[in-house]
Amino acid sequence: MAHEPEPLPQPEQRPEPLPQPPSHEARARSFDTVATQYAAARPGYPPALHDAVEEAAGRPLAGARVLDVGAGTGLATAALAARGARVTAVEPGAAMAAELHRAHPALPVVRARGEALPFPDGAGFDLVTYAQSWHWTVPERSVPEALRVLRPGGTLALWWNVPDPDVPWQAAQEARLARRLPGYHRHNAAVTAPDVLAALALPGPPLRPRTRLLRWTRRIPLATHLAMLGSRSHFAALGPAAAPVLADEGAALREVFPDGTVEETYALHLTAVRRAAG
């Protein structure tokens, strides 16, 4: 009786290689391609953050003149306004600024970068804020610009939502993404911001930043979580080439969250520094 031939060994299935990692400039420009997705899927900020900002600034947000730089689609801008602040948004991206204006038509939006703020010296802002955006600037230029437009005693406040590395499924996800995406890394600006601010050789008294770490969670559908990932600069800059990575993430997370609801936990880093009062 003839024997069936033994099957040939199959080569190991490997993910398709992705293109070369996008440059910092390409990633910075990529947000305009996902502006609507960004607005719908990105996390906001908990009330405890605004309490911490008020503590760092030594004044309430209500009535404060605030310049929110790198405002994106207005997630932080709108929240600051809801606390009673008089906020002007600064955003370089045309599509991001348009999305902000569409969602919040009453809030003024200025197209500019943090390194060249179109306001006079001593413009008198009580706060200059950067929510999830300061790492896209050149600190040697953006910090002097912020101090230039602040009133004496005003505050520069920087904050970031970062996936909490102490949550096992999030740590595993970050490790998978680092393996799959060329040059992928979560920015470490939240960790280095105090050191950078303190080390800048600027005229006047040395900057003495204060920091806070807050943790908070949100529960969202898996589809929203994947859309949030897709709105990150690395995914947005790669465009359709990143789709297989998102598909694989969806499959991996269905094992962790079989009901389709993802619990994201964020480590929210706040760094604040006051301009000298006199």
Foldseek 3Di string as FASTA:
>chain_A
DDDDDDDDDDDDDDDDAADAFDDLVLLVQLLLVLLVLQVQQPDADDPVVQVVVCVLLVHHLADFEEEEEQCFLPRPVVVSVVSRHLYAYEHQHPNRQVNNCVVPVVHHYHHDHLLDDPAAFQLAGQEYEYEQHPVSDDCLRNVVSRLRPHAASHKYKYKYWDFPCVPVVVVVLQVLCPVRAHPDDDDPCLVCVQVVQQPHPDPDDGWHKDKDKDKDKDKDFLVSVLSNVCSRSRNSSSDPSCVVVSVVVSVVVCVVVVVRIDITMTTMMMIMTTHHND
